[in-house]
Amino acid sequence: MIAELNEFLEEQTTGLAELARRLRQSRAAVARKAAAASAARVRSLNGRVRNLARSGVRLTSISQATAQSLIELQAEIVTDALTDAAEQMQRIVFTSNVRDLAREQAGVLQAAQQRIVNDIARAVTILKGAAVDVRKVASGATAAEPVAPKKPVRRKARSKVARKARKASKAKRPVRTAKAKARAKSGKRRARKT
């Protein structure tokens, strides 16, 4: 019986050692695969980061050009308004009666209204051009290749050695007799009472 018990323990020890060895190897293999997949995903981000950086540079240049155009337009508007005001004051100097002054004022107001409409149209044209450029940059940035979705990890079935070890451990377990079961129960009862 001792020989059988030693043989059983020996089989269990070799089975567990083999199982532990395979588990270590499979963990290392899974870790290597995960590291390789992560490295590939990180490398694929390089292109996206470059595209994003280029898009940022383009957007910055678009916003600067738009701001420059709007500032130039504003400068022209202020210059035109000051020039018109100076001309109007000059006309007032040479008018002889109120009727001529009123006629001049009506003409100046109509010219100012037309100038405001033209200036608004120019500002809208500048902003539309900027919006078209921004759309081009945005469509170029989103056209980058998406990262491939992560594939699910499939686990291998248990190895033959592990199955054999489990069968061997079940087959060689000593069968408890009714007397042994009764002794085990009575031992638990005694322990509870004390």
N, C-alpha and C. Protein backbone atom coordinates (compact mmCIF):
# COMPACT_ATOMS: atom_id res chain seq x y z
N MET A 1 0.82 -1.19 0.00
CA MET A 1 0.00 0.00 0.00
C MET A 1 0.87 1.26 0.00
N ILE A 2 1.97 1.23 0.71
CA ILE A 2 2.89 2.37 0.74
C ILE A 2 3.51 2.55 -0.64
N ALA A 3 3.83 1.45 -1.30
CA ALA A 3 4.39 1.53 -2.64
C ALA A 3 3.39 2.17 -3.60
N GLU A 4 2.12 1.78 -3.48
CA GLU A 4 1.09 2.37 -4.34
C GLU A 4 0.93 3.86 -4.06
N LEU A 5 0.98 4.19 -2.77
CA LEU A 5 0.86 5.60 -2.38
C LEU A 5 2.05 6.40 -2.91
N ASN A 6 3.26 5.85 -2.81
CA ASN A 6 4.44 6.53 -3.34
C ASN A 6 4.35 6.67 -4.86
N GLU A 7 3.88 5.62 -5.51
CA GLU A 7 3.72 5.65 -6.97
C GLU A 7 2.69 6.72 -7.36
N PHE A 8 1.59 6.75 -6.62
CA PHE A 8 0.55 7.75 -6.88
C PHE A 8 1.09 9.17 -6.70
N LEU A 9 1.83 9.41 -5.61
CA LEU A 9 2.40 10.72 -5.35
C LEU A 9 3.43 11.09 -6.42
N GLU A 10 4.19 10.09 -6.86
CA GLU A 10 5.17 10.34 -7.91
C GLU A 10 4.49 10.75 -9.21
N GLU A 11 3.42 10.04 -9.56
CA GLU A 11 2.67 10.38 -10.78
C GLU A 11 2.06 11.77 -10.66
N GLN A 12 1.53 12.06 -9.49
CA GLN A 12 0.93 13.37 -9.28
C GLN A 12 2.00 14.47 -9.38
N THR A 13 3.14 14.24 -8.80
CA THR A 13 4.22 15.23 -8.83
C THR A 13 4.70 15.48 -10.26
N THR A 14 4.91 14.40 -11.02
CA THR A 14 5.36 14.58 -12.41
C THR A 14 4.28 15.26 -13.24
N GLY A 15 3.03 14.86 -13.01
CA GLY A 15 1.92 15.49 -13.75
C GLY A 15 1.81 16.97 -13.45
N LEU A 16 1.92 17.31 -12.17
CA LEU A 16 1.83 18.72 -11.78
C LEU A 16 3.04 19.51 -12.29
N ALA A 17 4.22 18.89 -12.25
CA ALA A 17 5.41 19.57 -12.76
C ALA A 17 5.27 19.84 -14.25
N GLU A 18 4.76 18.86 -14.98
CA GLU A 18 4.56 19.03 -16.42
C GLU A 18 3.50 20.11 -16.68
N LEU A 19 2.44 20.07 -15.89
CA LEU A 19 1.39 21.07 -16.03
C LEU A 19 1.93 22.48 -15.75
N ALA A 20 2.74 22.61 -14.70
CA ALA A 20 3.33 23.92 -14.36
C ALA A 20 4.28 24.39 -15.46
N ARG A 21 5.06 23.47 -16.00
CA ARG A 21 5.98 23.83 -17.07
C ARG A 21 5.22 24.33 -18.29
N ARG A 22 4.16 23.63 -18.67
CA ARG A 22 3.36 24.04 -19.84
C ARG A 22 2.65 25.37 -19.58
N LEU A 23 2.19 25.54 -18.34
CA LEU A 23 1.52 26.79 -18.00
C LEU A 23 2.48 27.97 -18.11
N ARG A 24 3.72 27.78 -17.64
CA ARG A 24 4.71 28.85 -17.76
C ARG A 24 5.01 29.15 -19.23
N GLN A 25 5.14 28.09 -20.03
CA GLN A 25 5.44 28.28 -21.45
C GLN A 25 4.28 28.97 -22.15
N SER A 26 3.06 28.55 -21.84
CA SER A 26 1.91 29.15 -22.52
C SER A 26 1.74 30.61 -22.10
N ARG A 27 2.01 30.93 -20.83
CA ARG A 27 1.94 32.32 -20.39
C ARG A 27 2.98 33.17 -21.11
N ALA A 28 4.17 32.65 -21.25
CA ALA A 28 5.22 33.39 -21.94
C ALA A 28 4.85 33.60 -23.41
N ALA A 29 4.28 32.57 -24.03
CA ALA A 29 3.88 32.70 -25.44
C ALA A 29 2.76 33.73 -25.59
N VAL A 30 1.80 33.68 -24.70
CA VAL A 30 0.70 34.65 -24.76
C VAL A 30 1.23 36.06 -24.52
N ALA A 31 2.15 36.20 -23.57
CA ALA A 31 2.73 37.52 -23.30
C ALA A 31 3.51 38.03 -24.51
N ARG A 32 4.25 37.13 -25.18
CA ARG A 32 4.99 37.55 -26.38
C ARG A 32 4.04 38.00 -27.48
N LYS A 33 2.96 37.23 -27.69
CA LYS A 33 1.99 37.60 -28.72
C LYS A 33 1.32 38.93 -28.40
N ALA A 34 0.97 39.12 -27.13
CA ALA A 34 0.34 40.38 -26.73
C ALA A 34 1.29 41.55 -26.92
N ALA A 35 2.56 41.36 -26.59
CA ALA A 35 3.55 42.42 -26.76
C ALA A 35 3.73 42.75 -28.25
N ALA A 36 3.76 41.72 -29.08
CA ALA A 36 3.92 41.95 -30.53
C ALA A 36 2.71 42.70 -31.08
N ALA A 37 1.52 42.32 -30.65
CA ALA A 37 0.31 43.01 -31.12
C ALA A 37 0.28 44.45 -30.64
N SER A 38 0.69 44.67 -29.40
CA SER A 38 0.72 46.04 -28.86
C SER A 38 1.73 46.88 -29.63
N ALA A 39 2.88 46.30 -29.92
CA ALA A 39 3.90 47.04 -30.68
C ALA A 39 3.38 47.41 -32.06
N ALA A 40 2.66 46.50 -32.69
CA ALA A 40 2.10 46.80 -34.02
C ALA A 40 1.07 47.93 -33.93
N ARG A 41 0.24 47.90 -32.89
CA ARG A 41 -0.74 48.97 -32.73
C ARG A 41 -0.06 50.31 -32.47
N VAL A 42 0.99 50.30 -31.67
CA VAL A 42 1.71 51.56 -31.39
C VAL A 42 2.36 52.08 -32.66
N ARG A 43 2.96 51.17 -33.45
CA ARG A 43 3.57 51.60 -34.72
C ARG A 43 2.53 52.19 -35.66
N SER A 44 1.33 51.60 -35.67
CA SER A 44 0.29 52.11 -36.57
C SER A 44 -0.17 53.49 -36.13
N LEU A 45 0.02 53.83 -34.85
CA LEU A 45 -0.37 55.16 -34.38
C LEU A 45 0.57 56.23 -34.91
N ASN A 46 1.80 55.87 -35.28
CA ASN A 46 2.75 56.86 -35.80
C ASN A 46 2.18 57.62 -36.98
N GLY A 47 1.60 56.90 -37.91
CA GLY A 47 1.01 57.54 -39.09
C GLY A 47 -0.13 58.47 -38.71
N ARG A 48 -0.96 58.02 -37.77
CA ARG A 48 -2.09 58.85 -37.35
C ARG A 48 -1.59 60.11 -36.65
N VAL A 49 -0.56 59.97 -35.83
CA VAL A 49 -0.03 61.13 -35.12
C VAL A 49 0.57 62.12 -36.12
N ARG A 50 1.28 61.61 -37.12
CA ARG A 50 1.83 62.50 -38.15
C ARG A 50 0.71 63.24 -38.88
N ASN A 51 -0.34 62.50 -39.27
CA ASN A 51 -1.46 63.14 -39.96
C ASN A 51 -2.11 64.20 -39.07
N LEU A 52 -2.25 63.89 -37.80
CA LEU A 52 -2.85 64.83 -36.87
C LEU A 52 -1.97 66.08 -36.74
N ALA A 53 -0.66 65.88 -36.66
CA ALA A 53 0.25 67.02 -36.55
C ALA A 53 0.18 67.89 -37.81
N ARG A 54 0.18 67.23 -38.97
CA ARG A 54 0.06 67.99 -40.22
C ARG A 54 -1.25 68.75 -40.27
N SER A 55 -2.33 68.09 -39.83
CA SER A 55 -3.63 68.75 -39.82
C SER A 55 -3.61 69.95 -38.90
N GLY A 56 -2.95 69.81 -37.75
CA GLY A 56 -2.84 70.94 -36.83
C GLY A 56 -2.10 72.11 -37.44
N VAL A 57 -1.03 71.79 -38.15
CA VAL A 57 -0.25 72.85 -38.82
C VAL A 57 -1.11 73.52 -39.89
N ARG A 58 -1.83 72.71 -40.67
CA ARG A 58 -2.68 73.29 -41.73
C ARG A 58 -3.77 74.17 -41.12
N LEU A 59 -4.40 73.67 -40.05
CA LEU A 59 -5.46 74.46 -39.41
C LEU A 59 -4.91 75.77 -38.85
N THR A 60 -3.71 75.71 -38.29
CA THR A 60 -3.10 76.93 -37.77
C THR A 60 -2.85 77.92 -38.89
N SER A 61 -2.33 77.43 -40.01
CA SER A 61 -2.06 78.35 -41.14
C SER A 61 -3.37 78.90 -41.71
N ILE A 62 -4.41 78.07 -41.74
CA ILE A 62 -5.72 78.54 -42.24
C ILE A 62 -6.26 79.63 -41.31
N SER A 63 -6.19 79.37 -40.00
CA SER A 63 -6.73 80.36 -39.07
C SER A 63 -5.93 81.66 -39.12
N GLN A 64 -4.60 81.56 -39.27
CA GLN A 64 -3.78 82.77 -39.36
C GLN A 64 -4.09 83.55 -40.64
N ALA A 65 -4.23 82.84 -41.76
CA ALA A 65 -4.54 83.52 -43.02
C ALA A 65 -5.92 84.17 -42.96
N THR A 66 -6.87 83.47 -42.34
CA THR A 66 -8.22 84.03 -42.21
C THR A 66 -8.20 85.27 -41.32
N ALA A 67 -7.50 85.17 -40.19
CA ALA A 67 -7.42 86.32 -39.28
C ALA A 67 -6.74 87.50 -39.99
N GLN A 68 -5.69 87.21 -40.76
CA GLN A 68 -5.00 88.28 -41.49
C GLN A 68 -5.95 88.94 -42.48
N SER A 69 -6.71 88.13 -43.23
CA SER A 69 -7.64 88.69 -44.22
C SER A 69 -8.72 89.52 -43.54
N LEU A 70 -9.22 89.05 -42.40
CA LEU A 70 -10.26 89.79 -41.70
C LEU A 70 -9.71 91.10 -41.12
N ILE A 71 -8.48 91.07 -40.63
CA ILE A 71 -7.87 92.29 -40.10
C ILE A 71 -7.64 93.31 -41.22
N GLU A 72 -7.19 92.82 -42.38
CA GLU A 72 -6.99 93.72 -43.53
C GLU A 72 -8.33 94.31 -43.97
N LEU A 73 -9.38 93.48 -43.97
CA LEU A 73 -10.71 93.98 -44.33
C LEU A 73 -11.17 95.04 -43.33
N GLN A 74 -10.94 94.78 -42.05
CA GLN A 74 -11.32 95.76 -41.03
C GLN A 74 -10.55 97.07 -41.22
N ALA A 75 -9.27 96.96 -41.53
CA ALA A 75 -8.47 98.17 -41.77
C ALA A 75 -9.02 98.95 -42.96
N GLU A 76 -9.41 98.24 -44.02
CA GLU A 76 -9.98 98.91 -45.19
C GLU A 76 -11.29 99.58 -44.84
N ILE A 77 -12.12 98.90 -44.03
CA ILE A 77 -13.42 99.47 -43.64
C ILE A 77 -13.21 100.76 -42.85
N VAL A 78 -12.29 100.72 -41.88
CA VAL A 78 -12.03 101.91 -41.07
C VAL A 78 -11.45 103.03 -41.93
N THR A 79 -10.54 102.69 -42.81
CA THR A 79 -9.93 103.69 -43.70
C THR A 79 -10.99 104.33 -44.60
N ASP A 80 -11.85 103.50 -45.18
CA ASP A 80 -12.91 104.03 -46.05
C ASP A 80 -13.88 104.91 -45.26
N ALA A 81 -14.20 104.49 -44.04
CA ALA A 81 -15.13 105.29 -43.23
C ALA A 81 -14.52 106.63 -42.87
N LEU A 82 -13.25 106.65 -42.52
CA LEU A 82 -12.59 107.92 -42.19
C LEU A 82 -12.46 108.81 -43.43
N THR A 83 -12.15 108.19 -44.56
CA THR A 83 -12.03 108.97 -45.81
C THR A 83 -13.38 109.58 -46.17
N ASP A 84 -14.45 108.78 -46.06
CA ASP A 84 -15.79 109.31 -46.38
C ASP A 84 -16.19 110.42 -45.41
N ALA A 85 -15.84 110.25 -44.13
CA ALA A 85 -16.18 111.29 -43.15
C ALA A 85 -15.44 112.59 -43.48
N ALA A 86 -14.17 112.45 -43.88
CA ALA A 86 -13.40 113.65 -44.23
C ALA A 86 -13.97 114.32 -45.47
N GLU A 87 -14.36 113.53 -46.46
CA GLU A 87 -14.96 114.10 -47.68
C GLU A 87 -16.28 114.78 -47.36
N GLN A 88 -17.06 114.17 -46.49
CA GLN A 88 -18.35 114.75 -46.13
C GLN A 88 -18.15 116.10 -45.44
N MET A 89 -17.18 116.17 -44.56
CA MET A 89 -16.91 117.45 -43.89
C MET A 89 -16.43 118.49 -44.88
N GLN A 90 -15.67 118.04 -45.85
CA GLN A 90 -15.18 118.96 -46.89
C GLN A 90 -16.35 119.49 -47.70
N ARG A 91 -17.33 118.64 -48.00
CA ARG A 91 -18.51 119.08 -48.77
C ARG A 91 -19.35 120.08 -47.97
N ILE A 92 -19.41 119.82 -46.66
CA ILE A 92 -20.21 120.73 -45.82
C ILE A 92 -19.63 122.15 -45.91
N VAL A 93 -18.33 122.22 -46.00
CA VAL A 93 -17.69 123.53 -46.08
C VAL A 93 -18.14 124.29 -47.33
N PHE A 94 -18.34 123.57 -48.45
CA PHE A 94 -18.67 124.22 -49.71
C PHE A 94 -20.16 124.29 -50.00
N THR A 95 -21.02 123.79 -49.13
CA THR A 95 -22.47 123.89 -49.38
C THR A 95 -22.97 125.26 -48.95
N SER A 96 -23.93 125.76 -49.74
CA SER A 96 -24.43 127.10 -49.47
C SER A 96 -25.76 127.09 -48.73
N ASN A 97 -26.55 126.02 -48.89
CA ASN A 97 -27.84 126.00 -48.19
C ASN A 97 -28.11 124.62 -47.60
N VAL A 98 -29.17 124.53 -46.82
CA VAL A 98 -29.52 123.30 -46.10
C VAL A 98 -30.01 122.23 -47.06
N ARG A 99 -30.71 122.63 -48.12
CA ARG A 99 -31.22 121.66 -49.08
C ARG A 99 -30.08 120.89 -49.73
N ASP A 100 -29.04 121.56 -50.14
CA ASP A 100 -27.88 120.88 -50.73
C ASP A 100 -27.20 119.96 -49.69
N LEU A 101 -27.17 120.42 -48.47
CA LEU A 101 -26.58 119.63 -47.40
C LEU A 101 -27.38 118.34 -47.19
N ALA A 102 -28.71 118.43 -47.20
CA ALA A 102 -29.57 117.25 -47.02
C ALA A 102 -29.39 116.29 -48.19
N ARG A 103 -29.30 116.83 -49.41
CA ARG A 103 -29.08 115.98 -50.58
C ARG A 103 -27.75 115.24 -50.48
N GLU A 104 -26.72 115.94 -50.06
CA GLU A 104 -25.39 115.32 -49.89
C GLU A 104 -25.45 114.23 -48.83
N GLN A 105 -26.17 114.50 -47.74
CA GLN A 105 -26.28 113.51 -46.66
C GLN A 105 -26.98 112.25 -47.17
N ALA A 106 -28.01 112.37 -47.95
CA ALA A 106 -28.74 111.21 -48.48
C ALA A 106 -27.80 110.38 -49.36
N GLY A 107 -27.03 111.07 -50.20
CA GLY A 107 -26.07 110.36 -51.06
C GLY A 107 -25.01 109.64 -50.24
N VAL A 108 -24.53 110.27 -49.19
CA VAL A 108 -23.51 109.67 -48.33
C VAL A 108 -24.08 108.45 -47.62
N LEU A 109 -25.31 108.54 -47.14
CA LEU A 109 -25.94 107.40 -46.44
C LEU A 109 -26.12 106.21 -47.38
N GLN A 110 -26.55 106.48 -48.61
CA GLN A 110 -26.70 105.38 -49.58
C GLN A 110 -25.35 104.72 -49.90
N ALA A 111 -24.31 105.54 -50.05
CA ALA A 111 -22.98 105.00 -50.33
C ALA A 111 -22.47 104.19 -49.14
N ALA A 112 -22.74 104.67 -47.93
CA ALA A 112 -22.31 103.95 -46.72
C ALA A 112 -23.04 102.61 -46.61
N GLN A 113 -24.32 102.63 -46.93
CA GLN A 113 -25.10 101.38 -46.88
C GLN A 113 -24.56 100.37 -47.89
N GLN A 114 -24.26 100.81 -49.10
CA GLN A 114 -23.71 99.92 -50.12
C GLN A 114 -22.33 99.40 -49.70
N ARG A 115 -21.53 100.28 -49.10
CA ARG A 115 -20.20 99.88 -48.64
C ARG A 115 -20.31 98.81 -47.54
N ILE A 116 -21.25 98.97 -46.62
CA ILE A 116 -21.44 97.99 -45.55
C ILE A 116 -21.85 96.64 -46.12
N VAL A 117 -22.76 96.64 -47.10
CA VAL A 117 -23.19 95.39 -47.74
C VAL A 117 -22.00 94.72 -48.43
N ASN A 118 -21.19 95.49 -49.13
CA ASN A 118 -20.02 94.94 -49.82
C ASN A 118 -19.01 94.38 -48.81
N ASP A 119 -18.81 95.09 -47.71
CA ASP A 119 -17.86 94.63 -46.70
C ASP A 119 -18.33 93.33 -46.04
N ILE A 120 -19.60 93.24 -45.77
CA ILE A 120 -20.15 92.00 -45.18
C ILE A 120 -19.99 90.85 -46.17
N ALA A 121 -20.24 91.10 -47.45
CA ALA A 121 -20.08 90.06 -48.47
C ALA A 121 -18.63 89.60 -48.53
N ARG A 122 -17.68 90.53 -48.44
CA ARG A 122 -16.26 90.15 -48.46
C ARG A 122 -15.90 89.33 -47.22
N ALA A 123 -16.42 89.71 -46.06
CA ALA A 123 -16.14 88.95 -44.83
C ALA A 123 -16.72 87.54 -44.92
N VAL A 124 -17.92 87.42 -45.46
CA VAL A 124 -18.53 86.09 -45.62
C VAL A 124 -17.73 85.25 -46.60
N THR A 125 -17.23 85.86 -47.66
CA THR A 125 -16.40 85.14 -48.63
C THR A 125 -15.13 84.63 -47.98
N ILE A 126 -14.50 85.45 -47.15
CA ILE A 126 -13.28 85.03 -46.45
C ILE A 126 -13.58 83.85 -45.54
N LEU A 127 -14.67 83.94 -44.78
CA LEU A 127 -15.02 82.86 -43.84
C LEU A 127 -15.44 81.58 -44.57
N LYS A 128 -16.12 81.71 -45.69
CA LYS A 128 -16.48 80.52 -46.47
C LYS A 128 -15.24 79.81 -47.00
N GLY A 129 -14.28 80.59 -47.49
CA GLY A 129 -13.03 80.01 -47.97
C GLY A 129 -12.30 79.27 -46.86
N ALA A 130 -12.30 79.85 -45.67
CA ALA A 130 -11.66 79.20 -44.52
C ALA A 130 -12.40 77.91 -44.17
N ALA A 131 -13.73 77.93 -44.23
CA ALA A 131 -14.52 76.73 -43.92
C ALA A 131 -14.24 75.61 -44.92
N VAL A 132 -14.10 75.96 -46.19
CA VAL A 132 -13.78 74.95 -47.21
C VAL A 132 -12.41 74.33 -46.93
N ASP A 133 -11.44 75.18 -46.58
CA ASP A 133 -10.11 74.67 -46.27
C ASP A 133 -10.11 73.77 -45.04
N VAL A 134 -10.87 74.16 -44.03
CA VAL A 134 -10.97 73.34 -42.81
C VAL A 134 -11.61 72.00 -43.12
N ARG A 135 -12.64 71.99 -43.95
CA ARG A 135 -13.27 70.71 -44.34
C ARG A 135 -12.29 69.80 -45.06
N LYS A 136 -11.48 70.38 -45.93
CA LYS A 136 -10.47 69.58 -46.64
C LYS A 136 -9.49 68.95 -45.66
N VAL A 137 -9.05 69.73 -44.69
CA VAL A 137 -8.11 69.21 -43.70
C VAL A 137 -8.78 68.13 -42.86
N ALA A 138 -10.03 68.37 -42.46
CA ALA A 138 -10.74 67.40 -41.63
C ALA A 138 -10.99 66.10 -42.38
N SER A 139 -11.34 66.19 -43.66
CA SER A 139 -11.57 64.96 -44.43
C SER A 139 -10.27 64.22 -44.65
N GLY A 140 -9.16 64.92 -44.80
CA GLY A 140 -7.86 64.27 -44.94
C GLY A 140 -7.42 63.60 -43.66
N ALA A 141 -7.76 64.20 -42.52
CA ALA A 141 -7.36 63.64 -41.22
C ALA A 141 -8.17 62.40 -40.89
N THR A 142 -9.44 62.36 -41.28
CA THR A 142 -10.26 61.19 -40.96
C THR A 142 -10.06 60.07 -41.96
N ALA A 143 -9.38 60.35 -43.07
CA ALA A 143 -9.18 59.30 -44.07
C ALA A 143 -8.04 58.35 -43.70
N ALA A 144 -7.37 58.61 -42.58
CA ALA A 144 -6.27 57.73 -42.15
C ALA A 144 -6.82 56.35 -41.82
N GLU A 145 -5.96 55.35 -41.99
CA GLU A 145 -6.40 53.98 -41.75
C GLU A 145 -6.73 53.75 -40.29
N PRO A 146 -7.90 53.17 -40.03
CA PRO A 146 -8.22 52.88 -38.63
C PRO A 146 -7.41 51.68 -38.14
N VAL A 147 -7.20 51.63 -36.84
CA VAL A 147 -6.46 50.53 -36.24
C VAL A 147 -7.35 49.29 -36.27
N ALA A 148 -6.75 48.15 -36.64
CA ALA A 148 -7.51 46.91 -36.72
C ALA A 148 -8.04 46.53 -35.35
N PRO A 149 -9.27 46.03 -35.28
CA PRO A 149 -9.82 45.65 -33.98
C PRO A 149 -9.05 44.48 -33.39
N LYS A 150 -9.03 44.44 -32.09
CA LYS A 150 -8.29 43.41 -31.38
C LYS A 150 -9.00 42.07 -31.54
N LYS A 151 -8.23 41.05 -31.91
CA LYS A 151 -8.80 39.72 -32.10
C LYS A 151 -8.94 39.04 -30.75
N PRO A 152 -10.02 38.27 -30.57
CA PRO A 152 -10.18 37.58 -29.30
C PRO A 152 -9.14 36.47 -29.14
N VAL A 153 -8.71 36.28 -27.91
CA VAL A 153 -7.71 35.27 -27.62
C VAL A 153 -8.42 33.94 -27.39
N ARG A 154 -7.99 32.95 -28.12
CA ARG A 154 -8.58 31.61 -27.95
C ARG A 154 -7.68 30.79 -27.06
N ARG A 155 -8.29 30.11 -26.14
CA ARG A 155 -7.51 29.30 -25.21
C ARG A 155 -7.49 27.86 -25.70
N LYS A 156 -6.35 27.24 -25.46
CA LYS A 156 -6.18 25.86 -25.90
C LYS A 156 -6.88 24.91 -24.94
N ALA A 157 -7.27 23.78 -25.47
CA ALA A 157 -7.87 22.75 -24.62
C ALA A 157 -6.80 22.20 -23.69
N ARG A 158 -7.22 21.57 -22.64
CA ARG A 158 -6.25 21.01 -21.69
C ARG A 158 -5.39 19.96 -22.37
N SER A 159 -4.17 19.90 -21.92
CA SER A 159 -3.23 18.99 -22.54
C SER A 159 -3.54 17.54 -22.16
N LYS A 160 -3.02 16.64 -22.96
CA LYS A 160 -3.24 15.21 -22.71
C LYS A 160 -2.63 14.79 -21.38
N VAL A 161 -1.48 15.37 -21.06
CA VAL A 161 -0.80 15.01 -19.81
C VAL A 161 -1.68 15.40 -18.62
N ALA A 162 -2.27 16.59 -18.68
CA ALA A 162 -3.12 17.04 -17.58
C ALA A 162 -4.35 16.15 -17.46
N ARG A 163 -4.93 15.74 -18.60
CA ARG A 163 -6.11 14.86 -18.55
C ARG A 163 -5.75 13.50 -17.96
N LYS A 164 -4.60 12.98 -18.38
CA LYS A 164 -4.16 11.69 -17.85
C LYS A 164 -3.90 11.77 -16.35
N ALA A 165 -3.28 12.85 -15.92
CA ALA A 165 -2.99 13.02 -14.50
C ALA A 165 -4.28 13.10 -13.69
N ARG A 166 -5.27 13.80 -14.22
CA ARG A 166 -6.55 13.90 -13.52
C ARG A 166 -7.24 12.55 -13.44
N LYS A 167 -7.23 11.80 -14.56
CA LYS A 167 -7.85 10.46 -14.55
C LYS A 167 -7.13 9.55 -13.57
N ALA A 168 -5.79 9.65 -13.56
CA ALA A 168 -5.02 8.79 -12.66
C ALA A 168 -5.32 9.13 -11.20
N SER A 169 -5.47 10.41 -10.90
CA SER A 169 -5.74 10.79 -9.51
C SER A 169 -7.12 10.33 -9.09
N LYS A 170 -8.07 10.37 -10.01
CA LYS A 170 -9.42 9.90 -9.67
C LYS A 170 -9.45 8.39 -9.52
N ALA A 171 -8.73 7.70 -10.37
CA ALA A 171 -8.76 6.24 -10.37
C ALA A 171 -8.06 5.66 -9.15
N LYS A 172 -7.01 6.28 -8.67
CA LYS A 172 -6.21 5.68 -7.60
C LYS A 172 -6.56 6.21 -6.22
N ARG A 173 -7.59 6.99 -6.09
CA ARG A 173 -7.99 7.46 -4.78
C ARG A 173 -8.53 6.28 -3.98
N PRO A 174 -8.15 6.21 -2.74
CA PRO A 174 -8.68 5.11 -1.93
C PRO A 174 -10.17 5.34 -1.67
N VAL A 175 -10.89 4.24 -1.71
CA VAL A 175 -12.32 4.31 -1.49
C VAL A 175 -12.57 4.29 0.00
N ARG A 176 -13.36 5.21 0.47
CA ARG A 176 -13.67 5.27 1.90
C ARG A 176 -14.76 4.25 2.21
N THR A 177 -14.54 3.59 3.26
CA THR A 177 -15.55 2.61 3.69
C THR A 177 -16.55 3.32 4.57
N ALA A 178 -17.60 2.65 4.84
CA ALA A 178 -18.65 3.22 5.69
C ALA A 178 -18.12 3.49 7.09
N LYS A 179 -17.25 2.58 7.58
CA LYS A 179 -16.69 2.77 8.92
C LYS A 179 -15.82 4.02 8.95
N ALA A 180 -15.02 4.24 7.93
CA ALA A 180 -14.14 5.40 7.89
C ALA A 180 -14.95 6.68 7.84
N LYS A 181 -16.05 6.66 7.09
CA LYS A 181 -16.92 7.84 7.02
C LYS A 181 -17.53 8.12 8.38
N ALA A 182 -17.96 7.05 9.06
CA ALA A 182 -18.58 7.22 10.38
C ALA A 182 -17.56 7.78 11.37
N ARG A 183 -16.31 7.27 11.34
CA ARG A 183 -15.28 7.77 12.23
C ARG A 183 -15.00 9.25 11.97
N ALA A 184 -14.98 9.63 10.70
CA ALA A 184 -14.71 11.03 10.34
C ALA A 184 -15.81 11.94 10.87
N LYS A 185 -17.06 11.49 10.77
CA LYS A 185 -18.19 12.29 11.26
C LYS A 185 -18.14 12.40 12.77
N SER A 186 -17.85 11.27 13.46
CA SER A 186 -17.82 11.31 14.92
C SER A 186 -16.67 12.18 15.42
N GLY A 187 -15.57 12.20 14.71
CA GLY A 187 -14.44 13.06 15.07
C GLY A 187 -14.82 14.53 14.99
N LYS A 188 -15.61 14.90 13.99
CA LYS A 188 -16.05 16.28 13.83
C LYS A 188 -16.99 16.64 14.95
N ARG A 189 -17.86 15.69 15.34
CA ARG A 189 -18.84 15.95 16.40
C ARG A 189 -18.10 16.16 17.71
N ARG A 190 -17.10 15.33 17.98
CA ARG A 190 -16.35 15.48 19.24
C ARG A 190 -15.64 16.83 19.28
N ALA A 191 -15.11 17.24 18.17
CA ALA A 191 -14.38 18.51 18.12
C ALA A 191 -15.33 19.66 18.39
N ARG A 192 -16.56 19.58 17.94
CA ARG A 192 -17.55 20.65 18.14
C ARG A 192 -17.94 20.74 19.61
N LYS A 193 -18.08 19.57 20.26
CA LYS A 193 -18.53 19.58 21.65
C LYS A 193 -17.51 20.21 22.58
N THR A 194 -16.23 20.05 22.31
CA THR A 194 -15.20 20.57 23.22
C THR A 194 -14.88 22.02 22.98
